[in-house]
Amino acid sequence: MRAVFLPIRKAVSHASRIPPDRLTLLLLGALIILGLITFLSSTLSLLATGENATLGRVLLTQLGFGVGVGIGLLMLASRLPLRWVRSTAPFFFFLALLLEILTFLPGIGIEINGARRWINLGFTTLQTSEVMKYAAFLAAAWVLSLPKRVPWHQRLTLLAIVLVPASLLLVIQRDTSNLVITILTVGTMAFVAGLPWRFIAWGLLGAVVGFLLLVVARPYIWTRLAVFLGLIDDPLGASYQVETAKIAVGSGGLWGKGVGEGIAKFSGLPQPLNDSIFATYAEETGFVGSLLLITLFMVLGARLLWLGYRLLPREAFGGLLLIGFATLLNMQALWNIGAMVGAFPLSGMTLPFFSQGATSLLLLLLASGVVLQATRFRV
């Protein structure tokens, strides 16, 4: 047994000699703390409606499974050798594919609001589309970091093996937001890795055509776009969530009403624990708090992009991880915040580190640990 674990211990010790980037660690810590405080404040909406049993379950899964297990995985991942992460990326992707397929099996998969993207674990549910989002991001980093002697047509074949099934499954599961984020993240990574312009042009054309077909096939997507474009004005129907969120954000004023003092979560704000949680945060912390949150995301993204570009020539996989994670995190945050103030179409996109979802938070913290490990190669 000692012979088995001794190489692991030596590898972890060697990988931990250089500490993670302190600024990245500080920014991640600030987002985790702000997210936890805002989530706890938002859960008061369940208490006010008498859903005590639901409140207990939500707190147990989010704090115990999401935060507790997630922080443990973050600490572990931040100390594992990056070469291990790279070598296991293809296996993690195929595991994500298997989990996605399991959602369609009776008795295992769960359907909520017409979408099948959850697996019943008994004590909680596992959202497999979140697993796929991070698995595709890791697998893309593995493909794009192959040696330069591997020609681009072979890399693109491998990339298609990753992106095509992942996209098809996300389409079938009606998870449009994660589909868009995944494609944009992988596309950005491919561009940074030096994908020739002719392939970029064909990729953009395919993405546009695919999106238009999706709008035609899914009327609710067109409805959300029409609300965003002002073609539909239905404050008690299709526009209700956006209008309610904008009122909550505006009512926060400069300094906000104070943590826990917001009233929107009690007075009809849809999804106050999920995609509308920024409205709760903005109402309670005001313009100053909102600006602080946006700044934290922007500075973290800029820091990771800078470290990633510096790392690319020496450690392509690590550099692509940093760039891809910065893209994924900031696009998701930008889309969520923008939708709450009417700057982007409503999508159901959650706010990283803030919104309810134990699976999403756990995987986000795990990915954050991998990113912290990659920052050890900055020198």
Protein backbone atom coordinates (compact mmCIF):
# COMPACT_ATOMS: atom_id res chain seq x y z
CA MET A 1 0.00 0.00 0.00
CA ARG A 2 2.85 2.33 0.85
CA ALA A 3 4.40 1.65 -2.57
CA VAL A 4 1.14 2.81 -4.19
CA PHE A 5 0.72 6.09 -2.32
CA LEU A 6 4.38 7.12 -2.05
CA PRO A 7 4.62 8.30 -5.72
CA ILE A 8 1.39 10.25 -5.27
CA ARG A 9 2.71 11.93 -2.16
CA LYS A 10 5.99 12.84 -3.90
CA ALA A 11 4.16 14.22 -6.94
CA VAL A 12 1.83 16.33 -4.82
CA SER A 13 4.74 17.61 -2.76
CA HIS A 14 6.69 18.55 -5.90
CA ALA A 15 3.63 20.28 -7.41
CA SER A 16 3.15 22.35 -4.26
CA ARG A 17 6.61 23.92 -3.98
CA ILE A 18 5.54 27.11 -5.74
CA PRO A 19 2.44 28.66 -4.11
CA PRO A 20 -0.63 29.52 -6.21
CA ASP A 21 -1.00 33.06 -7.48
CA ARG A 22 -2.03 35.08 -4.44
CA LEU A 23 -4.18 37.60 -6.30
CA THR A 24 -6.15 34.79 -7.99
CA LEU A 25 -6.62 33.07 -4.62
CA LEU A 26 -7.75 36.33 -2.99
CA LEU A 27 -10.26 37.12 -5.74
CA LEU A 28 -11.70 33.59 -5.69
CA GLY A 29 -12.01 33.76 -1.91
CA ALA A 30 -13.83 37.10 -2.08
CA LEU A 31 -16.32 35.75 -4.66
CA ILE A 32 -16.94 32.61 -2.61
CA ILE A 33 -17.63 34.62 0.55
CA LEU A 34 -19.88 37.16 -1.20
CA GLY A 35 -21.74 34.36 -2.92
CA LEU A 36 -22.32 32.49 0.33
CA ILE A 37 -23.61 35.60 2.13
CA THR A 38 -25.96 36.48 -0.74
CA PHE A 39 -27.23 32.92 -1.03
CA LEU A 40 -28.03 32.76 2.69
CA SER A 41 -29.88 36.06 2.43
CA SER A 42 -31.86 34.79 -0.55
CA THR A 43 -32.93 31.64 1.32
CA LEU A 44 -35.03 33.87 3.59
CA SER A 45 -37.57 33.86 0.77
CA LEU A 46 -38.18 30.16 1.47
CA LEU A 47 -38.57 30.82 5.19
CA ALA A 48 -41.09 33.56 4.54
CA THR A 49 -43.23 31.25 2.40
CA GLY A 50 -43.24 28.53 5.04
CA GLU A 51 -41.13 26.09 3.01
CA ASN A 52 -39.10 25.02 6.06
CA ALA A 53 -38.47 21.49 4.76
CA THR A 54 -37.27 22.86 1.43
CA LEU A 55 -35.06 25.39 3.21
CA GLY A 56 -33.36 22.66 5.23
CA ARG A 57 -32.71 20.54 2.15
CA VAL A 58 -31.43 23.52 0.14
CA LEU A 59 -29.04 24.57 2.90
CA LEU A 60 -27.80 21.03 3.41
CA THR A 61 -27.04 20.40 -0.26
CA GLN A 62 -25.67 23.86 -1.06
CA LEU A 63 -23.54 24.26 2.06
CA GLY A 64 -22.65 20.64 2.75
CA PHE A 65 -22.28 19.20 -0.75
CA GLY A 66 -21.58 22.35 -2.76
CA VAL A 67 -19.43 24.43 -0.40
CA GLY A 68 -18.08 21.76 1.97
CA VAL A 69 -17.13 19.06 -0.52
CA GLY A 70 -16.31 21.71 -3.13
CA ILE A 71 -13.74 23.46 -0.90
CA GLY A 72 -12.17 20.09 -0.13
CA LEU A 73 -11.89 19.30 -3.84
CA LEU A 74 -10.50 22.78 -4.52
CA MET A 75 -7.72 22.20 -1.98
CA LEU A 76 -6.96 18.76 -3.42
CA ALA A 77 -6.99 19.89 -7.06
CA SER A 78 -4.75 22.86 -6.30
CA ARG A 79 -2.02 20.41 -5.24
CA LEU A 80 -2.32 17.70 -7.90
CA PRO A 81 0.28 17.68 -10.70
CA LEU A 82 -1.01 19.39 -13.83
CA ARG A 83 0.16 16.46 -15.97
CA TRP A 84 -2.32 14.25 -14.09
CA VAL A 85 -5.13 16.65 -14.92
CA ARG A 86 -4.09 16.62 -18.57
CA SER A 87 -3.89 12.83 -18.78
CA THR A 88 -7.32 12.34 -17.15
CA ALA A 89 -9.13 15.01 -19.23
CA PRO A 90 -10.28 12.55 -21.98
CA PHE A 91 -11.57 10.08 -19.36
CA PHE A 92 -13.44 12.84 -17.55
CA PHE A 93 -15.09 13.81 -20.83
CA PHE A 94 -16.25 10.25 -21.56
CA LEU A 95 -17.57 10.04 -17.98
CA ALA A 96 -19.56 13.23 -18.63
CA LEU A 97 -20.96 11.68 -21.82
CA LEU A 98 -22.06 8.61 -19.87
CA LEU A 99 -23.75 10.76 -17.23
CA GLU A 100 -25.58 12.70 -19.93
CA ILE A 101 -26.89 9.47 -21.46
CA LEU A 102 -28.06 8.23 -18.04
CA THR A 103 -30.46 11.17 -17.77
CA PHE A 104 -32.61 9.58 -20.48
CA LEU A 105 -33.00 6.28 -18.61
CA PRO A 106 -36.28 5.86 -16.67
CA GLY A 107 -35.81 5.79 -12.92
CA ILE A 108 -32.42 7.48 -13.14
CA GLY A 109 -32.96 10.71 -15.06
CA ILE A 110 -35.26 13.45 -13.77
CA GLU A 111 -37.34 15.76 -15.94
CA ILE A 112 -38.00 19.29 -14.68
CA ASN A 113 -39.98 21.81 -16.76
CA GLY A 114 -39.60 19.67 -19.86
CA ALA A 115 -35.82 19.32 -19.57
CA ARG A 116 -33.95 16.12 -18.70
CA ARG A 117 -30.54 17.08 -17.38
CA TRP A 118 -30.54 15.72 -13.84
CA ILE A 119 -29.72 12.38 -12.22
CA ASN A 120 -31.35 11.40 -8.94
CA LEU A 121 -28.69 10.72 -6.29
CA GLY A 122 -31.20 10.27 -3.49
CA PHE A 123 -29.97 13.02 -1.16
CA THR A 124 -29.69 15.50 -4.03
CA THR A 125 -29.65 15.71 -7.83
CA LEU A 126 -26.69 15.87 -10.19
CA GLN A 127 -27.01 18.30 -13.10
CA THR A 128 -25.09 16.49 -15.82
CA SER A 129 -25.01 19.45 -18.22
CA GLU A 130 -22.78 21.26 -15.71
CA VAL A 131 -20.41 18.29 -15.70
CA MET A 132 -20.37 18.33 -19.50
CA LYS A 133 -19.57 22.05 -19.63
CA TYR A 134 -16.38 21.61 -17.60
CA ALA A 135 -15.51 18.26 -19.20
CA ALA A 136 -15.67 19.77 -22.70
CA PHE A 137 -13.52 22.70 -21.56
CA LEU A 138 -10.85 20.34 -20.15
CA ALA A 139 -10.93 18.01 -23.15
CA ALA A 140 -10.58 20.98 -25.52
CA ALA A 141 -7.51 22.15 -23.59
CA TRP A 142 -6.06 18.64 -23.96
CA VAL A 143 -6.67 18.56 -27.73
CA LEU A 144 -5.43 22.09 -28.40
CA SER A 145 -2.25 21.55 -26.37
CA LEU A 146 -1.11 18.57 -28.46
CA PRO A 147 2.42 18.96 -29.89
CA LYS A 148 2.77 21.26 -32.89
CA ARG A 149 3.81 18.32 -35.04
CA VAL A 150 0.17 17.15 -34.89
CA PRO A 151 -1.48 18.86 -37.91
CA TRP A 152 -4.54 21.04 -37.46
CA HIS A 153 -6.87 18.73 -39.37
CA GLN A 154 -6.17 15.97 -36.84
CA ARG A 155 -6.67 18.34 -33.90
CA LEU A 156 -9.95 19.57 -35.38
CA THR A 157 -11.12 15.97 -35.82
CA LEU A 158 -10.49 15.33 -32.12
CA LEU A 159 -12.08 18.66 -31.23
CA ALA A 160 -15.18 17.70 -33.24
CA ILE A 161 -15.35 14.41 -31.32
CA VAL A 162 -15.56 16.53 -28.17
CA LEU A 163 -17.77 19.40 -29.31
CA VAL A 164 -20.34 17.68 -31.54
CA PRO A 165 -21.69 15.09 -29.07
CA ALA A 166 -21.49 17.58 -26.21
CA SER A 167 -23.49 20.15 -28.20
CA LEU A 168 -26.08 17.62 -29.39
CA LEU A 169 -26.72 16.37 -25.86
CA LEU A 170 -27.04 19.92 -24.52
CA VAL A 171 -29.52 20.71 -27.31
CA ILE A 172 -31.59 17.62 -26.51
CA GLN A 173 -31.52 18.55 -22.83
CA ARG A 174 -32.75 22.06 -23.68
CA ASP A 175 -29.79 23.67 -21.92
CA THR A 176 -29.23 26.52 -24.37
CA SER A 177 -27.23 28.69 -21.97
CA ASN A 178 -24.60 26.04 -21.23
CA LEU A 179 -24.51 25.17 -24.94
CA VAL A 180 -23.65 28.76 -25.89
CA ILE A 181 -21.10 29.15 -23.07
CA THR A 182 -19.39 25.87 -24.01
CA ILE A 183 -19.09 26.79 -27.69
CA LEU A 184 -17.83 30.30 -26.95
CA THR A 185 -15.28 29.02 -24.43
CA VAL A 186 -13.91 26.30 -26.72
CA GLY A 187 -13.93 28.71 -29.67
CA THR A 188 -11.91 31.27 -27.70
CA MET A 189 -9.41 28.61 -26.66
CA ALA A 190 -9.03 27.44 -30.27
CA PHE A 191 -8.46 31.02 -31.46
CA VAL A 192 -5.79 31.59 -28.82
CA ALA A 193 -4.16 28.26 -29.70
CA GLY A 194 -3.63 29.52 -33.26
CA LEU A 195 -6.53 28.00 -35.19
CA PRO A 196 -6.20 29.12 -38.85
CA TRP A 197 -8.61 31.88 -39.93
CA ARG A 198 -10.36 29.76 -42.55
CA PHE A 199 -11.46 27.32 -39.86
CA ILE A 200 -12.55 30.19 -37.62
CA ALA A 201 -14.73 31.59 -40.43
CA TRP A 202 -16.37 28.21 -41.05
CA GLY A 203 -16.88 27.75 -37.32
CA LEU A 204 -18.58 31.14 -36.96
CA LEU A 205 -20.83 30.41 -39.93
CA GLY A 206 -21.80 27.04 -38.48
CA ALA A 207 -22.52 28.58 -35.07
CA VAL A 208 -24.78 31.26 -36.59
CA VAL A 209 -26.71 28.74 -38.71
CA GLY A 210 -27.04 26.39 -35.75
CA PHE A 211 -28.36 29.18 -33.53
CA LEU A 212 -30.93 30.26 -36.12
CA LEU A 213 -32.16 26.67 -36.46
CA LEU A 214 -32.40 26.46 -32.68
CA VAL A 215 -34.48 29.65 -32.53
CA VAL A 216 -36.87 28.20 -35.10
CA ALA A 217 -37.11 24.86 -33.29
CA ARG A 218 -37.48 26.35 -29.78
CA PRO A 219 -40.14 29.12 -29.70
CA TYR A 220 -39.28 30.10 -26.13
CA ILE A 221 -35.84 31.26 -27.33
CA TRP A 222 -37.47 33.60 -29.83
CA THR A 223 -39.79 34.90 -27.10
CA ARG A 224 -36.83 35.82 -24.92
CA LEU A 225 -35.07 37.48 -27.84
CA ALA A 226 -38.25 39.40 -28.71
CA VAL A 227 -38.56 40.63 -25.11
CA PHE A 228 -34.92 41.77 -25.20
CA LEU A 229 -35.40 43.57 -28.54
CA GLY A 230 -38.57 45.26 -27.31
CA LEU A 231 -40.82 43.45 -29.77
CA ILE A 232 -42.84 42.02 -26.88
CA ASP A 233 -43.97 44.19 -23.97
CA ASP A 234 -45.72 41.95 -21.49
CA PRO A 235 -44.84 43.03 -17.93
CA LEU A 236 -47.18 40.46 -16.37
CA GLY A 237 -46.08 37.62 -18.66
CA ALA A 238 -43.00 37.14 -20.81
CA SER A 239 -41.31 40.33 -19.52
CA TYR A 240 -42.20 39.80 -15.86
CA GLN A 241 -38.86 38.41 -14.60
CA VAL A 242 -36.77 41.03 -16.37
CA GLU A 243 -38.98 43.93 -15.27
CA THR A 244 -39.12 42.70 -11.66
CA ALA A 245 -35.36 42.23 -11.57
CA LYS A 246 -34.72 45.72 -12.97
CA ILE A 247 -36.97 47.24 -10.30
CA ALA A 248 -35.10 45.33 -7.58
CA VAL A 249 -31.70 46.42 -8.92
CA GLY A 250 -32.79 50.06 -9.18
CA SER A 251 -34.34 50.12 -5.70
CA GLY A 252 -30.95 49.39 -4.15
CA GLY A 253 -29.81 52.95 -4.79
CA LEU A 254 -26.21 53.84 -4.07
CA TRP A 255 -25.50 51.82 -0.93
CA GLY A 256 -28.32 49.28 -0.89
CA LYS A 257 -30.87 48.34 1.73
CA GLY A 258 -28.52 46.15 3.72
CA VAL A 259 -27.80 42.43 3.72
CA GLY A 260 -31.00 40.50 4.40
CA GLU A 261 -33.12 43.66 4.14
CA GLY A 262 -34.15 43.36 0.50
CA ILE A 263 -37.85 42.90 -0.18
CA ALA A 264 -37.88 41.78 -3.82
CA LYS A 265 -37.20 38.17 -2.86
CA PHE A 266 -40.40 38.26 -0.77
CA SER A 267 -42.56 40.12 -3.27
CA GLY A 268 -42.64 38.04 -6.41
CA LEU A 269 -39.10 38.12 -7.84
CA PRO A 270 -38.90 34.88 -9.86
CA GLN A 271 -36.01 32.50 -9.10
CA PRO A 272 -34.44 34.57 -6.27
CA LEU A 273 -32.04 31.72 -5.47
CA ASN A 274 -31.05 30.96 -9.06
CA ASP A 275 -30.72 33.22 -12.10
CA SER A 276 -32.27 36.27 -10.34
CA ILE A 277 -29.91 36.20 -7.36
CA PHE A 278 -27.97 39.20 -8.67
CA ALA A 279 -31.14 41.28 -8.35
CA THR A 280 -31.26 40.31 -4.66
CA TYR A 281 -27.58 41.18 -4.25
CA ALA A 282 -27.93 44.53 -6.05
CA GLU A 283 -30.97 45.53 -4.00
CA GLU A 284 -29.16 44.82 -0.74
CA THR A 285 -25.72 46.23 -1.62
CA GLY A 286 -26.67 48.96 -4.11
CA PHE A 287 -24.61 50.42 -6.93
CA VAL A 288 -21.41 50.26 -4.88
CA GLY A 289 -21.82 46.58 -4.12
CA SER A 290 -22.74 45.77 -7.71
CA LEU A 291 -19.71 47.66 -9.00
CA LEU A 292 -17.53 45.75 -6.52
CA LEU A 293 -18.86 42.42 -7.74
CA ILE A 294 -18.39 43.27 -11.42
CA THR A 295 -14.87 44.51 -10.64
CA LEU A 296 -13.99 41.25 -8.87
CA PHE A 297 -15.05 39.20 -11.89
CA MET A 298 -13.27 41.51 -14.33
CA VAL A 299 -10.00 41.65 -12.38
CA LEU A 300 -10.03 37.86 -11.89
CA GLY A 301 -10.65 37.35 -15.60
CA ALA A 302 -7.92 39.80 -16.60
CA ARG A 303 -5.46 38.22 -14.18
CA LEU A 304 -6.11 34.70 -15.50
CA LEU A 305 -5.88 35.85 -19.13
CA TRP A 306 -2.56 37.57 -18.46
CA LEU A 307 -1.13 34.54 -16.64
CA GLY A 308 -2.47 32.26 -19.35
CA TYR A 309 -0.86 34.19 -22.22
CA ARG A 310 2.46 34.19 -20.39
CA LEU A 311 2.20 30.47 -19.69
CA LEU A 312 1.19 29.34 -23.21
CA PRO A 313 4.71 29.11 -24.74
CA ARG A 314 6.02 26.98 -21.83
CA GLU A 315 2.95 24.99 -20.70
CA ALA A 316 0.24 25.05 -23.36
CA PHE A 317 -2.26 22.96 -21.42
CA GLY A 318 -2.00 25.13 -18.30
CA GLY A 319 -2.17 28.34 -20.31
CA LEU A 320 -5.29 27.18 -22.16
CA LEU A 321 -6.87 26.15 -18.85
CA LEU A 322 -6.39 29.65 -17.45
CA ILE A 323 -7.68 31.35 -20.61
CA GLY A 324 -10.63 28.97 -20.96
CA PHE A 325 -11.66 29.29 -17.32
CA ALA A 326 -11.45 33.09 -17.48
CA THR A 327 -13.63 33.05 -20.60
CA LEU A 328 -16.19 30.63 -19.17
CA LEU A 329 -16.44 32.40 -15.80
CA ASN A 330 -16.70 35.96 -17.11
CA MET A 331 -19.08 35.16 -19.97
CA GLN A 332 -21.41 33.40 -17.56
CA ALA A 333 -21.26 36.23 -15.02
CA LEU A 334 -21.65 38.91 -17.70
CA TRP A 335 -24.66 37.16 -19.23
CA ASN A 336 -26.40 36.69 -15.89
CA ILE A 337 -25.82 40.24 -14.67
CA GLY A 338 -26.63 41.72 -18.07
CA ALA A 339 -29.91 39.80 -18.27
CA MET A 340 -31.00 41.16 -14.89
CA VAL A 341 -30.64 44.76 -16.09
CA GLY A 342 -31.98 44.16 -19.61
CA ALA A 343 -28.63 44.36 -21.39
CA PHE A 344 -28.76 40.72 -22.53
CA PRO A 345 -31.61 38.31 -23.30
CA LEU A 346 -32.87 36.28 -20.37
CA SER A 347 -31.44 32.77 -20.58
CA GLY A 348 -31.66 31.07 -17.20
CA MET A 349 -27.90 31.46 -16.85
CA THR A 350 -26.82 31.27 -13.20
CA LEU A 351 -24.35 33.57 -11.46
CA PRO A 352 -21.09 31.73 -10.61
CA PHE A 353 -20.41 31.29 -6.85
CA PHE A 354 -23.83 32.79 -6.04
CA SER A 355 -26.76 30.88 -7.53
CA GLN A 356 -28.32 27.75 -6.07
CA GLY A 357 -26.98 24.51 -7.51
CA ALA A 358 -24.77 22.20 -5.46
CA THR A 359 -23.45 20.40 -8.55
CA SER A 360 -22.58 23.64 -10.30
CA LEU A 361 -20.85 25.09 -7.23
CA LEU A 362 -18.92 21.90 -6.51
CA LEU A 363 -17.64 21.67 -10.09
CA LEU A 364 -16.82 25.39 -10.15
CA LEU A 365 -14.73 25.03 -6.99
CA LEU A 366 -13.04 21.92 -8.38
CA ALA A 367 -12.19 23.81 -11.58
CA SER A 368 -10.94 26.72 -9.48
CA GLY A 369 -8.54 24.34 -7.73
CA VAL A 370 -7.19 23.14 -11.09
CA VAL A 371 -6.76 26.76 -12.16
CA LEU A 372 -4.87 27.56 -8.95
CA GLN A 373 -2.58 24.63 -9.68
CA ALA A 374 -1.95 26.02 -13.19
CA THR A 375 -0.95 29.40 -11.72
CA ARG A 376 1.99 27.68 -9.98
CA PHE A 377 3.71 27.57 -13.40
CA ARG A 378 3.68 31.37 -13.75
CA VAL A 379 7.41 31.64 -12.94
